[in-house]
């Protein structure tokens, strides 16, 4: 929900948010991680055609209380920290692909655990 509400806030005028899932087998590193456990994953993909995220901000967005929102526009700066915590609590990974002025894609990888 946090990914979708953030995406909606950065789309000015007409835009698009896409939510999809995919089963994947990962045997290579994920951007931002030195090590990724090889195996089956379910990917949750949330893409938008919004403003995009600068390289500087991508390095900060998961920090608690970090926000780019204007005062009185809502948000606590905890939404993305919750996304990070959820992925981490499930031994998952997050990949971010963003281009300023074109949009952002978040890919959350959650390991498939047989029998659990």
PDB file of N, CA and C in Angstrom:
ATOM      1  N   UNK A   1       0.817  -1.185   0.000  1.00  0.00           N
ATOM      2  CA  UNK A   1       0.000   0.000   0.000  1.00  0.00           C
ATOM      3  C   UNK A   1       0.869   1.260   0.000  1.00  0.00           C
ATOM      4  N   UNK A   2       1.967   1.237   0.759  1.00  0.00           N
ATOM      5  CA  UNK A   2       2.847   2.407   0.811  1.00  0.00           C
ATOM      6  C   UNK A   2       3.456   2.703  -0.554  1.00  0.00           C
ATOM      7  N   UNK A   3       3.843   1.675  -1.288  1.00  0.00           N
ATOM      8  CA  UNK A   3       4.411   1.888  -2.619  1.00  0.00           C
ATOM      9  C   UNK A   3       3.388   2.509  -3.565  1.00  0.00           C
ATOM     10  N   UNK A   4       2.168   2.024  -3.506  1.00  0.00           N
ATOM     11  CA  UNK A   4       1.122   2.523  -4.405  1.00  0.00           C
ATOM     12  C   UNK A   4       0.730   3.955  -4.047  1.00  0.00           C
ATOM     13  N   UNK A   5       0.571   4.256  -2.769  1.00  0.00           N
ATOM     14  CA  UNK A   5       0.179   5.625  -2.396  1.00  0.00           C
ATOM     15  C   UNK A   5       1.303   6.610  -2.722  1.00  0.00           C
ATOM     16  N   UNK A   6       2.563   6.221  -2.524  1.00  0.00           N
ATOM     17  CA  UNK A   6       3.669   7.098  -2.914  1.00  0.00           C
ATOM     18  C   UNK A   6       3.685   7.317  -4.420  1.00  0.00           C
ATOM     19  N   UNK A   7       3.445   6.255  -5.181  1.00  0.00           N
ATOM     20  CA  UNK A   7       3.421   6.368  -6.640  1.00  0.00           C
ATOM     21  C   UNK A   7       2.326   7.327  -7.080  1.00  0.00           C
ATOM     22  N   UNK A   8       1.148   7.209  -6.482  1.00  0.00           N
ATOM     23  CA  UNK A   8       0.029   8.073  -6.859  1.00  0.00           C
ATOM     24  C   UNK A   8       0.343   9.542  -6.588  1.00  0.00           C
ATOM     25  N   UNK A   9       1.092   9.808  -5.545  1.00  0.00           N
ATOM     26  CA  UNK A   9       1.403  11.195  -5.188  1.00  0.00           C
ATOM     27  C   UNK A   9       2.399  11.853  -6.128  1.00  0.00           C
ATOM     28  N   UNK A  10       3.178  11.073  -6.874  1.00  0.00           N
ATOM     29  CA  UNK A  10       4.191  11.670  -7.750  1.00  0.00           C
ATOM     30  C   UNK A  10       3.770  11.678  -9.217  1.00  0.00           C
ATOM     31  N   UNK A  11       2.541  11.287  -9.485  1.00  0.00           N
ATOM     32  CA  UNK A  11       2.019  11.352 -10.847  1.00  0.00           C
ATOM     33  C   UNK A  11       1.210  12.638 -10.960  1.00  0.00           C
ATOM     34  N   UNK A  12       1.649  13.494 -11.862  1.00  0.00           N
ATOM     35  CA  UNK A  12       0.970  14.770 -12.074  1.00  0.00           C
ATOM     36  C   UNK A  12       0.226  14.691 -13.398  1.00  0.00           C
ATOM     37  N   UNK A  13      -1.071  14.889 -13.356  1.00  0.00           N
ATOM     38  CA  UNK A  13      -1.879  14.745 -14.559  1.00  0.00           C
ATOM     39  C   UNK A  13      -2.141  13.274 -14.820  1.00  0.00           C
ATOM     40  N   UNK A  14      -2.203  12.920 -16.095  1.00  0.00           N
ATOM     41  CA  UNK A  14      -2.450  11.525 -16.465  1.00  0.00           C
ATOM     42  C   UNK A  14      -1.207  10.703 -16.170  1.00  0.00           C
ATOM     43  N   UNK A  15      -1.407   9.504 -15.697  1.00  0.00           N
ATOM     44  CA  UNK A  15      -0.292   8.626 -15.389  1.00  0.00           C
ATOM     45  C   UNK A  15      -0.777   7.216 -15.168  1.00  0.00           C
ATOM     46  N   UNK A  16       0.146   6.352 -14.831  1.00  0.00           N
ATOM     47  CA  UNK A  16      -0.201   4.949 -14.703  1.00  0.00           C
ATOM     48  C   UNK A  16       0.599   4.313 -13.569  1.00  0.00           C
ATOM     49  N   UNK A  17      -0.075   3.475 -12.791  1.00  0.00           N
ATOM     50  CA  UNK A  17       0.568   2.642 -11.781  1.00  0.00           C
ATOM     51  C   UNK A  17       0.256   1.201 -12.163  1.00  0.00           C
ATOM     52  N   UNK A  18       1.282   0.382 -12.212  1.00  0.00           N
ATOM     53  CA  UNK A  18       1.119  -1.024 -12.567  1.00  0.00           C
ATOM     54  C   UNK A  18       1.609  -1.878 -11.409  1.00  0.00           C
ATOM     55  N   UNK A  19       0.791  -2.850 -11.020  1.00  0.00           N
ATOM     56  CA  UNK A  19       1.146  -3.791  -9.963  1.00  0.00           C
ATOM     57  C   UNK A  19       1.100  -5.185 -10.576  1.00  0.00           C
ATOM     58  N   UNK A  20       2.183  -5.929 -10.428  1.00  0.00           N
ATOM     59  CA  UNK A  20       2.219  -7.282 -10.976  1.00  0.00           C
ATOM     60  C   UNK A  20       3.059  -8.188 -10.076  1.00  0.00           C
ATOM     61  N   UNK A  21       2.920  -9.478 -10.313  1.00  0.00           N
ATOM     62  CA  UNK A  21       3.735 -10.469  -9.608  1.00  0.00           C
ATOM     63  C   UNK A  21       4.337 -11.410 -10.639  1.00  0.00           C
ATOM     64  N   UNK A  22       5.407 -12.055 -10.228  1.00  0.00           N
ATOM     65  CA  UNK A  22       6.092 -12.958 -11.137  1.00  0.00           C
ATOM     66  C   UNK A  22       6.873 -13.987 -10.320  1.00  0.00           C
ATOM     67  N   UNK A  23       6.892 -15.219 -10.761  1.00  0.00           N
ATOM     68  CA  UNK A  23       7.750 -16.244 -10.165  1.00  0.00           C
ATOM     69  C   UNK A  23       9.086 -16.214 -10.882  1.00  0.00           C
ATOM     70  N   UNK A  24      10.183 -16.166 -10.112  1.00  0.00           N
ATOM     71  CA  UNK A  24      11.517 -16.072 -10.689  1.00  0.00           C
ATOM     72  C   UNK A  24      12.479 -17.023 -10.001  1.00  0.00           C
ATOM     73  N   UNK A  25      13.506 -17.392 -10.708  1.00  0.00           N
ATOM     74  CA  UNK A  25      14.637 -18.097 -10.112  1.00  0.00           C
ATOM     75  C   UNK A  25      15.820 -17.147 -10.190  1.00  0.00           C
ATOM     76  N   UNK A  26      16.390 -16.803  -9.046  1.00  0.00           N
ATOM     77  CA  UNK A  26      17.496 -15.853  -9.022  1.00  0.00           C
ATOM     78  C   UNK A  26      18.793 -16.595  -8.730  1.00  0.00           C
ATOM     79  N   UNK A  27      19.776 -16.355  -9.598  1.00  0.00           N
ATOM     80  CA  UNK A  27      21.100 -16.954  -9.405  1.00  0.00           C
ATOM     81  C   UNK A  27      22.195 -15.909  -9.640  1.00  0.00           C
ATOM     82  N   UNK A  28      21.826 -14.643  -9.471  1.00  0.00           N
ATOM     83  CA  UNK A  28      22.768 -13.534  -9.664  1.00  0.00           C
ATOM     84  C   UNK A  28      22.455 -12.459  -8.622  1.00  0.00           C
ATOM     85  N   UNK A  29      23.388 -11.543  -8.398  1.00  0.00           N
ATOM     86  CA  UNK A  29      23.125 -10.476  -7.416  1.00  0.00           C
ATOM     87  C   UNK A  29      21.969  -9.571  -7.847  1.00  0.00           C
ATOM     88  N   UNK A  30      21.298  -9.016  -6.866  1.00  0.00           N
ATOM     89  CA  UNK A  30      20.269  -8.001  -7.080  1.00  0.00           C
ATOM     90  C   UNK A  30      20.944  -6.659  -6.808  1.00  0.00           C
ATOM     91  N   UNK A  31      20.642  -5.653  -7.594  1.00  0.00           N
ATOM     92  CA  UNK A  31      21.243  -4.334  -7.432  1.00  0.00           C
ATOM     93  C   UNK A  31      21.164  -3.878  -5.971  1.00  0.00           C
ATOM     94  N   UNK A  32      22.306  -3.478  -5.420  1.00  0.00           N
ATOM     95  CA  UNK A  32      22.341  -2.989  -4.052  1.00  0.00           C
ATOM     96  C   UNK A  32      22.694  -4.043  -3.015  1.00  0.00           C
ATOM     97  N   UNK A  33      22.846  -5.289  -3.428  1.00  0.00           N
ATOM     98  CA  UNK A  33      23.166  -6.376  -2.503  1.00  0.00           C
ATOM     99  C   UNK A  33      24.430  -7.087  -2.965  1.00  0.00           C
ATOM    100  N   UNK A  34      25.320  -7.355  -2.021  1.00  0.00           N
ATOM    101  CA  UNK A  34      26.540  -8.096  -2.349  1.00  0.00           C
ATOM    102  C   UNK A  34      26.263  -9.583  -2.514  1.00  0.00           C
ATOM    103  N   UNK A  35      25.281 -10.065  -1.776  1.00  0.00           N
ATOM    104  CA  UNK A  35      24.967 -11.487  -1.817  1.00  0.00           C
ATOM    105  C   UNK A  35      23.457 -11.673  -1.858  1.00  0.00           C
ATOM    106  N   UNK A  36      23.008 -12.566  -2.707  1.00  0.00           N
ATOM    107  CA  UNK A  36      21.599 -12.943  -2.777  1.00  0.00           C
ATOM    108  C   UNK A  36      21.541 -14.460  -2.758  1.00  0.00           C
ATOM    109  N   UNK A  37      20.707 -15.002  -1.878  1.00  0.00           N
ATOM    110  CA  UNK A  37      20.561 -16.449  -1.809  1.00  0.00           C
ATOM    111  C   UNK A  37      19.912 -16.970  -3.086  1.00  0.00           C
ATOM    112  N   UNK A  38      20.589 -17.898  -3.736  1.00  0.00           N
ATOM    113  CA  UNK A  38      20.069 -18.471  -4.965  1.00  0.00           C
ATOM    114  C   UNK A  38      18.812 -19.274  -4.676  1.00  0.00           C
ATOM    115  N   UNK A  39      17.818 -19.157  -5.560  1.00  0.00           N
ATOM    116  CA  UNK A  39      16.605 -19.940  -5.400  1.00  0.00           C
ATOM    117  C   UNK A  39      15.394 -19.295  -6.035  1.00  0.00           C
ATOM    118  N   UNK A  40      14.224 -19.863  -5.700  1.00  0.00           N
ATOM    119  CA  UNK A  40      12.965 -19.381  -6.234  1.00  0.00           C
ATOM    120  C   UNK A  40      12.430 -18.205  -5.432  1.00  0.00           C
ATOM    121  N   UNK A  41      11.878 -17.236  -6.140  1.00  0.00           N
ATOM    122  CA  UNK A  41      11.337 -16.028  -5.515  1.00  0.00           C
ATOM    123  C   UNK A  41      10.026 -15.649  -6.181  1.00  0.00           C
ATOM    124  N   UNK A  42       9.184 -14.987  -5.408  1.00  0.00           N
ATOM    125  CA  UNK A  42       8.016 -14.308  -5.944  1.00  0.00           C
ATOM    126  C   UNK A  42       8.381 -12.833  -5.951  1.00  0.00           C
ATOM    127  N   UNK A  43       8.239 -12.197  -7.098  1.00  0.00           N
ATOM    128  CA  UNK A  43       8.532 -10.770  -7.221  1.00  0.00           C
ATOM    129  C   UNK A  43       7.227  -9.990  -7.227  1.00  0.00           C
ATOM    130  N   UNK A  44       7.155  -8.968  -6.393  1.00  0.00           N
ATOM    131  CA  UNK A  44       6.059  -8.001  -6.401  1.00  0.00           C
ATOM    132  C   UNK A  44       6.625  -6.760  -7.074  1.00  0.00           C
ATOM    133  N   UNK A  45       6.018  -6.358  -8.179  1.00  0.00           N
ATOM    134  CA  UNK A  45       6.538  -5.256  -8.979  1.00  0.00           C
ATOM    135  C   UNK A  45       5.512  -4.125  -8.984  1.00  0.00           C
ATOM    136  N   UNK A  46       5.950  -2.943  -8.543  1.00  0.00           N
ATOM    137  CA  UNK A  46       5.096  -1.755  -8.545  1.00  0.00           C
ATOM    138  C   UNK A  46       5.813  -0.688  -9.360  1.00  0.00           C
ATOM    139  N   UNK A  47       5.195  -0.292 -10.480  1.00  0.00           N
ATOM    140  CA  UNK A  47       5.776   0.704 -11.388  1.00  0.00           C
ATOM    141  C   UNK A  47       4.852   1.895 -11.525  1.00  0.00           C
ATOM    142  N   UNK A  48       5.458   3.067 -11.716  1.00  0.00           N
ATOM    143  CA  UNK A  48       4.655   4.258 -11.965  1.00  0.00           C
ATOM    144  C   UNK A  48       5.293   5.088 -13.068  1.00  0.00           C
ATOM    145  N   UNK A  49       4.502   5.989 -13.630  1.00  0.00           N
ATOM    146  CA  UNK A  49       4.986   6.905 -14.649  1.00  0.00           C
ATOM    147  C   UNK A  49       5.121   8.308 -14.076  1.00  0.00           C
ATOM    148  N   UNK A  50       5.510   8.363 -12.810  1.00  0.00           N
ATOM    149  CA  UNK A  50       5.615   9.639 -12.104  1.00  0.00           C
ATOM    150  C   UNK A  50       6.928  10.355 -12.320  1.00  0.00           C
ATOM    151  N   UNK A  51       7.300  11.153 -11.340  1.00  0.00           N
ATOM    152  CA  UNK A  51       8.446  12.057 -11.438  1.00  0.00           C
ATOM    153  C   UNK A  51       9.793  11.364 -11.386  1.00  0.00           C
ATOM    154  N   UNK A  52       9.846  10.145 -10.891  1.00  0.00           N
ATOM    155  CA  UNK A  52      11.124   9.464 -10.725  1.00  0.00           C
ATOM    156  C   UNK A  52      11.799   9.899  -9.429  1.00  0.00           C
ATOM    157  N   UNK A  53      12.883   9.222  -9.085  1.00  0.00           N
ATOM    158  CA  UNK A  53      13.610   9.482  -7.846  1.00  0.00           C
ATOM    159  C   UNK A  53      15.063   9.756  -8.205  1.00  0.00           C
ATOM    160  N   UNK A  54      15.616  10.836  -7.671  1.00  0.00           N
ATOM    161  CA  UNK A  54      17.017  11.159  -7.942  1.00  0.00           C
ATOM    162  C   UNK A  54      17.924  10.119  -7.284  1.00  0.00           C
ATOM    163  N   UNK A  55      19.141   9.985  -7.812  1.00  0.00           N
ATOM    164  CA  UNK A  55      20.109   9.052  -7.231  1.00  0.00           C
ATOM    165  C   UNK A  55      20.374   9.380  -5.768  1.00  0.00           C
ATOM    166  N   UNK A  56      20.436  10.664  -5.446  1.00  0.00           N
ATOM    167  CA  UNK A  56      20.672  11.092  -4.064  1.00  0.00           C
ATOM    168  C   UNK A  56      19.539  10.625  -3.147  1.00  0.00           C
ATOM    169  N   UNK A  57      18.294  10.796  -3.596  1.00  0.00           N
ATOM    170  CA  UNK A  57      17.154  10.409  -2.770  1.00  0.00           C
ATOM    171  C   UNK A  57      17.000   8.900  -2.656  1.00  0.00           C
ATOM    172  N   UNK A  58      17.352   8.144  -3.713  1.00  0.00           N
ATOM    173  CA  UNK A  58      17.248   6.680  -3.642  1.00  0.00           C
ATOM    174  C   UNK A  58      18.071   6.149  -2.477  1.00  0.00           C
ATOM    175  N   UNK A  59      19.199   6.766  -2.216  1.00  0.00           N
ATOM    176  CA  UNK A  59      20.041   6.334  -1.103  1.00  0.00           C
ATOM    177  C   UNK A  59      19.462   6.633   0.266  1.00  0.00           C
ATOM    178  N   UNK A  60      18.398   7.429   0.331  1.00  0.00           N
ATOM    179  CA  UNK A  60      17.818   7.843   1.610  1.00  0.00           C
ATOM    180  C   UNK A  60      16.393   7.353   1.848  1.00  0.00           C
ATOM    181  N   UNK A  61      15.696   6.901   0.813  1.00  0.00           N
ATOM    182  CA  UNK A  61      14.244   6.697   0.940  1.00  0.00           C
ATOM    183  C   UNK A  61      13.831   5.665   1.979  1.00  0.00           C
ATOM    184  N   UNK A  62      14.715   4.744   2.326  1.00  0.00           N
ATOM    185  CA  UNK A  62      14.343   3.739   3.320  1.00  0.00           C
ATOM    186  C   UNK A  62      14.702   4.150   4.744  1.00  0.00           C
ATOM    187  N   UNK A  63      15.308   5.322   4.909  1.00  0.00           N
ATOM    188  CA  UNK A  63      15.639   5.812   6.245  1.00  0.00           C
ATOM    189  C   UNK A  63      14.359   6.242   6.958  1.00  0.00           C
ATOM    190  N   UNK A  64      14.214   5.832   8.222  1.00  0.00           N
ATOM    191  CA  UNK A  64      13.020   6.263   8.974  1.00  0.00           C
ATOM    192  C   UNK A  64      12.940   7.793   9.036  1.00  0.00           C
ATOM    193  N   UNK A  65      11.754   8.296   8.846  1.00  0.00           N
ATOM    194  CA  UNK A  65      11.396   9.707   8.924  1.00  0.00           C
ATOM    195  C   UNK A  65      11.895  10.541   7.748  1.00  0.00           C
ATOM    196  N   UNK A  66      12.504   9.909   6.734  1.00  0.00           N
ATOM    197  CA  UNK A  66      12.899  10.662   5.545  1.00  0.00           C
ATOM    198  C   UNK A  66      11.668  10.865   4.677  1.00  0.00           C
ATOM    199  N   UNK A  67      11.437  12.096   4.271  1.00  0.00           N
ATOM    200  CA  UNK A  67      10.311  12.390   3.385  1.00  0.00           C
ATOM    201  C   UNK A  67      10.635  13.587   2.512  1.00  0.00           C
ATOM    202  N   UNK A  68      10.108  13.593   1.331  1.00  0.00           N
ATOM    203  CA  UNK A  68      10.206  14.722   0.406  1.00  0.00           C
ATOM    204  C   UNK A  68       8.877  15.472   0.348  1.00  0.00           C
ATOM    205  N   UNK A  69       7.910  15.012   1.132  1.00  0.00           N
ATOM    206  CA  UNK A  69       6.585  15.633   1.101  1.00  0.00           C
ATOM    207  C   UNK A  69       6.617  16.985   1.797  1.00  0.00           C
ATOM    208  N   UNK A  70       5.811  17.880   1.284  1.00  0.00           N
ATOM    209  CA  UNK A  70       5.697  19.214   1.858  1.00  0.00           C
ATOM    210  C   UNK A  70       4.898  19.147   3.150  1.00  0.00           C
ATOM    211  N   UNK A  71       5.202  20.035   4.060  1.00  0.00           N
ATOM    212  CA  UNK A  71       4.523  20.119   5.342  1.00  0.00           C
ATOM    213  C   UNK A  71       3.020  20.232   5.119  1.00  0.00           C
ATOM    214  N   UNK A  72       2.239  19.454   5.843  1.00  0.00           N
ATOM    215  CA  UNK A  72       0.792  19.491   5.737  1.00  0.00           C
ATOM    216  C   UNK A  72       0.237  18.630   4.615  1.00  0.00           C
ATOM    217  N   UNK A  73       1.119  17.978   3.861  1.00  0.00           N
ATOM    218  CA  UNK A  73       0.651  17.144   2.749  1.00  0.00           C
ATOM    219  C   UNK A  73       0.507  15.687   3.164  1.00  0.00           C
ATOM    220  N   UNK A  74       0.794  15.396   4.421  1.00  0.00           N
ATOM    221  CA  UNK A  74       0.621  14.042   4.921  1.00  0.00           C
ATOM    222  C   UNK A  74       1.909  13.261   4.904  1.00  0.00           C
ATOM    223  N   UNK A  75       1.827  12.097   5.488  1.00  0.00           N
ATOM    224  CA  UNK A  75       2.991  11.220   5.536  1.00  0.00           C
ATOM    225  C   UNK A  75       3.843  11.468   6.759  1.00  0.00           C
ATOM    226  N   UNK A  76       4.457  10.397   7.217  1.00  0.00           N
ATOM    227  CA  UNK A  76       5.302  10.470   8.410  1.00  0.00           C
ATOM    228  C   UNK A  76       6.762  10.222   8.093  1.00  0.00           C
ATOM    229  N   UNK A  77       7.043   9.798   6.871  1.00  0.00           N
ATOM    230  CA  UNK A  77       8.400   9.409   6.539  1.00  0.00           C
ATOM    231  C   UNK A  77       8.692   7.975   6.936  1.00  0.00           C
ATOM    232  N   UNK A  78       7.664   7.229   7.314  1.00  0.00           N
ATOM    233  CA  UNK A  78       7.857   5.836   7.731  1.00  0.00           C
ATOM    234  C   UNK A  78       7.396   4.825   6.690  1.00  0.00           C
ATOM    235  N   UNK A  79       6.678   5.260   5.670  1.00  0.00           N
ATOM    236  CA  UNK A  79       6.113   4.326   4.693  1.00  0.00           C
ATOM    237  C   UNK A  79       7.153   3.448   4.027  1.00  0.00           C
ATOM    238  N   UNK A  80       8.218   4.045   3.539  1.00  0.00           N
ATOM    239  CA  UNK A  80       9.238   3.262   2.849  1.00  0.00           C
ATOM    240  C   UNK A  80      10.077   2.454   3.836  1.00  0.00           C
ATOM    241  N   UNK A  81      10.232   2.938   5.057  1.00  0.00           N
ATOM    242  CA  UNK A  81      10.918   2.151   6.086  1.00  0.00           C
ATOM    243  C   UNK A  81      10.124   0.881   6.386  1.00  0.00           C
ATOM    244  N   UNK A  82       8.801   0.974   6.346  1.00  0.00           N
ATOM    245  CA  UNK A  82       7.947  -0.205   6.546  1.00  0.00           C
ATOM    246  C   UNK A  82       8.126  -1.180   5.379  1.00  0.00           C
ATOM    247  N   UNK A  83       8.204  -0.669   4.161  1.00  0.00           N
ATOM    248  CA  UNK A  83       8.428  -1.524   2.983  1.00  0.00           C
ATOM    249  C   UNK A  83       9.755  -2.266   3.148  1.00  0.00           C
ATOM    250  N   UNK A  84      10.812  -1.535   3.516  1.00  0.00           N
ATOM    251  CA  UNK A  84      12.136  -2.140   3.723  1.00  0.00           C
ATOM    252  C   UNK A  84      12.077  -3.210   4.812  1.00  0.00           C
ATOM    253  N   UNK A  85      11.451  -2.865   5.939  1.00  0.00           N
ATOM    254  CA  UNK A  85      11.352  -3.804   7.057  1.00  0.00           C
ATOM    255  C   UNK A  85      10.579  -5.065   6.685  1.00  0.00           C
ATOM    256  N   UNK A  86       9.529  -4.912   5.915  1.00  0.00           N
ATOM    257  CA  UNK A  86       8.737  -6.066   5.490  1.00  0.00           C
ATOM    258  C   UNK A  86       9.567  -6.995   4.607  1.00  0.00           C
ATOM    259  N   UNK A  87      10.263  -6.431   3.648  1.00  0.00           N
ATOM    260  CA  UNK A  87      11.117  -7.253   2.779  1.00  0.00           C
ATOM    261  C   UNK A  87      12.189  -7.954   3.600  1.00  0.00           C
ATOM    262  N   UNK A  88      12.831  -7.231   4.483  1.00  0.00           N
ATOM    263  CA  UNK A  88      13.904  -7.800   5.300  1.00  0.00           C
ATOM    264  C   UNK A  88      13.368  -8.892   6.227  1.00  0.00           C
ATOM    265  N   UNK A  89      12.216  -8.653   6.858  1.00  0.00           N
ATOM    266  CA  UNK A  89      11.614  -9.644   7.773  1.00  0.00           C
ATOM    267  C   UNK A  89      11.288 -10.953   7.065  1.00  0.00           C
ATOM    268  N   UNK A  90      11.097 -10.894   5.752  1.00  0.00           N
ATOM    269  CA  UNK A  90      10.772 -12.090   4.972  1.00  0.00           C
ATOM    270  C   UNK A  90      11.971 -12.587   4.161  1.00  0.00           C
ATOM    271  N   UNK A  91      13.182 -12.143   4.562  1.00  0.00           N
ATOM    272  CA  UNK A  91      14.430 -12.527   3.881  1.00  0.00           C
ATOM    273  C   UNK A  91      14.404 -12.164   2.398  1.00  0.00           C
ATOM    274  N   UNK A  92      13.792 -11.046   2.104  1.00  0.00           N
ATOM    275  CA  UNK A  92      13.670 -10.612   0.721  1.00  0.00           C
ATOM    276  C   UNK A  92      14.630  -9.496   0.368  1.00  0.00           C
ATOM    277  N   UNK A  93      14.497  -9.024  -0.857  1.00  0.00           N
ATOM    278  CA  UNK A  93      15.364  -7.994  -1.411  1.00  0.00           C
ATOM    279  C   UNK A  93      14.514  -6.980  -2.167  1.00  0.00           C
ATOM    280  N   UNK A  94      15.048  -5.778  -2.312  1.00  0.00           N
ATOM    281  CA  UNK A  94      14.352  -4.735  -3.063  1.00  0.00           C
ATOM    282  C   UNK A  94      15.296  -4.178  -4.119  1.00  0.00           C
ATOM    283  N   UNK A  95      14.802  -4.085  -5.347  1.00  0.00           N
ATOM    284  CA  UNK A  95      15.541  -3.454  -6.440  1.00  0.00           C
ATOM    285  C   UNK A  95      14.725  -2.246  -6.885  1.00  0.00           C
ATOM    286  N   UNK A  96      15.395  -1.127  -7.097  1.00  0.00           N
ATOM    287  CA  UNK A  96      14.726   0.099  -7.540  1.00  0.00           C
ATOM    288  C   UNK A  96      15.323   0.531  -8.863  1.00  0.00           C
ATOM    289  N   UNK A  97      14.457   0.798  -9.816  1.00  0.00           N
ATOM    290  CA  UNK A  97      14.872   1.339 -11.115  1.00  0.00           C
ATOM    291  C   UNK A  97      14.079   2.621 -11.318  1.00  0.00           C
ATOM    292  N   UNK A  98      14.795   3.741 -11.498  1.00  0.00           N
ATOM    293  CA  UNK A  98      14.097   5.019 -11.609  1.00  0.00           C
ATOM    294  C   UNK A  98      14.804   5.942 -12.588  1.00  0.00           C
ATOM    295  N   UNK A  99      13.989   6.684 -13.337  1.00  0.00           N
ATOM    296  CA  UNK A  99      14.490   7.696 -14.257  1.00  0.00           C
ATOM    297  C   UNK A  99      13.706   8.970 -13.999  1.00  0.00           C
ATOM    298  N   UNK A 100      14.425  10.053 -13.706  1.00  0.00           N
ATOM    299  CA  UNK A 100      13.751  11.322 -13.448  1.00  0.00           C
ATOM    300  C   UNK A 100      12.879  11.715 -14.627  1.00  0.00           C
ATOM    301  N   UNK A 101      11.655  12.097 -14.315  1.00  0.00           N
ATOM    302  CA  UNK A 101      10.705  12.517 -15.330  1.00  0.00           C
ATOM    303  C   UNK A 101       9.996  11.387 -16.045  1.00  0.00           C
ATOM    304  N   UNK A 102      10.364  10.141 -15.766  1.00  0.00           N
ATOM    305  CA  UNK A 102       9.749   9.011 -16.470  1.00  0.00           C
ATOM    306  C   UNK A 102       9.098   7.994 -15.545  1.00  0.00           C
ATOM    307  N   UNK A 103       9.555   7.908 -14.302  1.00  0.00           N
ATOM    308  CA  UNK A 103       8.917   6.983 -13.380  1.00  0.00           C
ATOM    309  C   UNK A 103       9.881   6.077 -12.646  1.00  0.00           C
ATOM    310  N   UNK A 104       9.284   5.217 -11.829  1.00  0.00           N
ATOM    311  CA  UNK A 104      10.046   4.347 -10.940  1.00  0.00           C
ATOM    312  C   UNK A 104       9.420   2.961 -10.910  1.00  0.00           C
ATOM    313  N   UNK A 105      10.277   1.961 -10.774  1.00  0.00           N
ATOM    314  CA  UNK A 105       9.832   0.590 -10.580  1.00  0.00           C
ATOM    315  C   UNK A 105      10.505   0.030  -9.335  1.00  0.00           C
ATOM    316  N   UNK A 106       9.691  -0.475  -8.426  1.00  0.00           N
ATOM    317  CA  UNK A 106      10.178  -1.198  -7.251  1.00  0.00           C
ATOM    318  C   UNK A 106       9.915  -2.677  -7.490  1.00  0.00           C
ATOM    319  N   UNK A 107      10.943  -3.491  -7.330  1.00  0.00           N
ATOM    320  CA  UNK A 107      10.788  -4.938  -7.420  1.00  0.00           C
ATOM    321  C   UNK A 107      11.171  -5.521  -6.069  1.00  0.00           C
ATOM    322  N   UNK A 108      10.200  -6.125  -5.412  1.00  0.00           N
ATOM    323  CA  UNK A 108      10.448  -6.782  -4.128  1.00  0.00           C
ATOM    324  C   UNK A 108      10.497  -8.276  -4.367  1.00  0.00           C
ATOM    325  N   UNK A 109      11.582  -8.892  -3.960  1.00  0.00           N
ATOM    326  CA  UNK A 109      11.784 -10.330  -4.136  1.00  0.00           C
ATOM    327  C   UNK A 109      11.573 -11.021  -2.802  1.00  0.00           C
ATOM    328  N   UNK A 110      10.637 -11.957  -2.755  1.00  0.00           N
ATOM    329  CA  UNK A 110      10.366 -12.736  -1.550  1.00  0.00           C
ATOM    330  C   UNK A 110      10.666 -14.201  -1.838  1.00  0.00           C
ATOM    331  N   UNK A 111      11.522 -14.827  -1.009  1.00  0.00           N
ATOM    332  CA  UNK A 111      11.883 -16.232  -1.278  1.00  0.00           C
ATOM    333  C   UNK A 111      10.683 -17.165  -1.128  1.00  0.00           C
ATOM    334  N   UNK A 112      10.641 -18.165  -2.000  1.00  0.00           N
ATOM    335  CA  UNK A 112       9.609 -19.192  -1.918  1.00  0.00           C
ATOM    336  C   UNK A 112      10.096 -20.230  -0.928  1.00  0.00           C
ATOM    337  N   UNK A 113       9.296 -20.509   0.047  1.00  0.00           N
ATOM    338  CA  UNK A 113       9.641 -21.498   1.065  1.00  0.00           C
ATOM    339  C   UNK A 113       8.664 -22.651   0.957  1.00  0.00           C
ATOM    340  N   UNK A 114       9.121 -23.793   0.501  1.00  0.00           N
ATOM    341  CA  UNK A 114       8.254 -24.964   0.380  1.00  0.00           C
ATOM    342  C   UNK A 114       7.873 -25.487   1.753  1.00  0.00           C
ATOM    343  N   UNK A 115       6.599 -25.734   1.946  1.00  0.00           N
ATOM    344  CA  UNK A 115       6.118 -26.328   3.193  1.00  0.00           C
ATOM    345  C   UNK A 115       5.987 -25.376   4.345  1.00  0.00           C
ATOM    346  N   UNK A 116       6.141 -24.073   4.111  1.00  0.00           N
ATOM    347  CA  UNK A 116       5.987 -23.102   5.206  1.00  0.00           C
ATOM    348  C   UNK A 116       4.992 -22.049   4.850  1.00  0.00           C
TER     349      UNK A 116
END
